[in-house]
Amino acid sequence: KMLFYCDFLHAKHFNQTVTGLAYVRLQHGPVPDKYQLILDTLQESGVMQVLEVPSGVYVAYKHRALRSANLSCFSARELQVLAKVRSTLERKNAEDLQQMSRSERASRMTKPGEAVQLSLAKSLSMSL
């Protein structure tokens, strides 16, 4: 969800995403297309690990970085967007993020399984 907000917030103000990823709408909101391949690649390369943590009758998946991020590849305005998304979303839980992303026009106007159109970034509720 945070990647969705980073990319769509950047596109809202600067007409392009930070990551270059395409997004699809799934049951719980927009996610990067082929997100599982991305997660698997990050795990296999030793960049992150996914931990399964029991949470009542559910299992929560905690994504943990195994090394510090290299921020030198981001422009000043990309870093501004990343900071805004982090400060806005860092205290929200998974359910809050799901509800928030599903309420976005980009999610509401896209059928499940379909690509989320980048042109819908202009309607994102978050702004710089």
Protein backbone atom coordinates (compact mmCIF):
# COMPACT_ATOMS: atom_id res chain seq x y z
CA LYS A 1 0.00 0.00 0.00
CA MET A 2 2.86 2.35 0.77
CA LEU A 3 4.36 1.75 -2.67
CA PHE A 4 0.99 2.52 -4.24
CA TYR A 5 0.82 5.81 -2.34
CA CYS A 6 4.43 6.70 -3.18
CA ASP A 7 3.94 6.05 -6.87
CA PHE A 8 0.51 7.62 -7.19
CA LEU A 9 1.38 10.66 -5.07
CA HIS A 10 4.46 11.26 -7.20
CA ALA A 11 2.40 10.79 -10.37
CA LYS A 12 -0.27 13.17 -9.06
CA HIS A 13 2.25 15.99 -8.77
CA PHE A 14 4.95 15.08 -11.29
CA ASN A 15 3.19 12.87 -13.90
CA GLN A 16 5.37 9.80 -13.37
CA THR A 17 5.83 7.12 -10.74
CA VAL A 18 8.88 6.63 -8.55
CA THR A 19 9.25 2.89 -9.24
CA GLY A 20 7.90 2.48 -12.76
CA LEU A 21 5.67 -0.35 -11.53
CA ALA A 22 2.18 -1.01 -12.87
CA TYR A 23 -0.60 -1.66 -10.35
CA VAL A 24 -3.62 -3.95 -10.33
CA ARG A 25 -6.63 -3.88 -8.09
CA LEU A 26 -6.95 -6.93 -5.89
CA GLN A 27 -9.42 -7.69 -3.10
CA HIS A 28 -7.59 -5.57 -0.53
CA GLY A 29 -6.76 -2.64 -2.81
CA PRO A 30 -4.13 -1.73 -5.40
CA VAL A 31 -0.85 -3.66 -5.43
CA PRO A 32 2.11 -3.79 -7.81
CA ASP A 33 1.44 -6.14 -10.72
CA LYS A 34 3.22 -9.45 -10.10
CA TYR A 35 3.95 -8.33 -6.53
CA GLN A 36 4.72 -11.90 -5.43
CA LEU A 37 7.56 -12.11 -7.95
CA ILE A 38 8.94 -8.84 -6.57
CA LEU A 39 8.73 -10.10 -2.96
CA ASP A 40 10.31 -13.44 -3.90
CA THR A 41 13.17 -11.68 -5.68
CA LEU A 42 13.82 -9.40 -2.70
CA GLN A 43 13.86 -12.40 -0.36
CA GLU A 44 16.07 -14.55 -2.58
CA SER A 45 18.58 -11.72 -2.98
CA GLY A 46 18.81 -11.26 0.79
CA VAL A 47 17.33 -7.76 0.85
CA MET A 48 14.32 -8.64 3.01
CA GLN A 49 12.55 -11.44 4.78
CA VAL A 50 8.89 -12.11 5.36
CA LEU A 51 7.92 -13.35 8.80
CA GLU A 52 4.61 -15.05 9.56
CA VAL A 53 3.27 -13.79 12.87
CA PRO A 54 0.10 -15.24 14.44
CA SER A 55 -2.51 -12.54 15.00
CA GLY A 56 -5.63 -14.01 16.56
CA VAL A 57 -7.25 -16.32 14.02
CA TYR A 58 -5.16 -14.77 11.22
CA VAL A 59 -1.53 -14.79 10.21
CA ALA A 60 0.16 -11.42 9.74
CA TYR A 61 3.05 -11.10 7.31
CA LYS A 62 5.79 -8.78 8.55
CA HIS A 63 8.24 -7.57 5.93
CA ARG A 64 11.65 -6.85 7.41
CA ALA A 65 14.56 -5.19 5.64
CA LEU A 66 17.86 -7.01 6.08
CA ARG A 67 19.97 -4.01 5.16
CA SER A 68 19.69 -0.24 5.09
CA ALA A 69 18.10 1.43 2.11
CA ASN A 70 20.31 3.19 -0.43
CA LEU A 71 18.54 6.52 -0.81
CA SER A 72 21.11 8.01 -3.18
CA CYS A 73 19.16 6.77 -6.21
CA PHE A 74 16.18 9.03 -5.39
CA SER A 75 15.76 12.63 -6.50
CA ALA A 76 14.94 15.38 -4.00
CA ARG A 77 11.27 15.39 -5.01
CA GLU A 78 11.08 11.58 -4.80
CA LEU A 79 12.49 11.78 -1.27
CA GLN A 80 9.89 14.45 -0.47
CA VAL A 81 7.12 12.08 -1.62
CA LEU A 82 8.59 9.14 0.32
CA ALA A 83 8.78 11.25 3.49
CA LYS A 84 5.19 12.46 3.07
CA VAL A 85 3.85 8.93 2.58
CA ARG A 86 5.83 7.62 5.53
CA SER A 87 4.69 10.39 7.89
CA THR A 88 1.07 9.97 6.79
CA LEU A 89 0.90 6.17 6.90
CA GLU A 90 3.48 4.94 9.41
CA ARG A 91 1.05 4.68 12.33
CA LYS A 92 -1.71 2.96 10.38
CA ASN A 93 -2.28 -0.78 10.69
CA ALA A 94 -2.96 -3.15 7.79
CA GLU A 95 -6.72 -2.80 8.08
CA ASP A 96 -6.51 0.99 8.05
CA LEU A 97 -4.27 0.93 4.98
CA GLN A 98 -6.58 -1.50 3.23
CA GLN A 99 -9.64 0.65 3.89
CA MET A 100 -7.82 3.82 2.91
CA SER A 101 -6.50 2.43 -0.38
CA ARG A 102 -9.82 0.82 -1.27
CA SER A 103 -11.59 4.16 -0.79
CA GLU A 104 -9.33 5.87 -3.33
CA ARG A 105 -10.95 6.63 -6.68
CA ALA A 106 -8.11 4.70 -8.36
CA SER A 107 -9.34 1.58 -6.58
CA ARG A 108 -13.09 2.25 -6.77
CA MET A 109 -12.97 2.93 -10.53
CA THR A 110 -11.01 -0.26 -11.28
CA LYS A 111 -12.54 -3.72 -11.44
CA PRO A 112 -10.85 -6.49 -9.42
CA GLY A 113 -7.93 -7.98 -11.36
CA GLU A 114 -7.67 -5.02 -13.75
CA ALA A 115 -4.82 -2.56 -14.15
CA VAL A 116 -5.15 0.68 -12.20
CA GLN A 117 -4.85 3.58 -14.62
CA LEU A 118 -2.12 6.06 -13.72
CA SER A 119 -4.39 8.90 -14.85
CA LEU A 120 -6.42 8.25 -11.68
CA ALA A 121 -3.45 9.48 -9.61
CA LYS A 122 -4.79 13.03 -9.99
CA SER A 123 -7.69 12.08 -7.70
CA LEU A 124 -5.52 10.67 -4.90
CA SER A 125 -6.67 11.89 -1.49
CA MET A 126 -3.10 12.54 -0.29
CA SER A 127 -1.22 15.65 -1.40
CA LEU A 128 2.20 17.16 -0.83
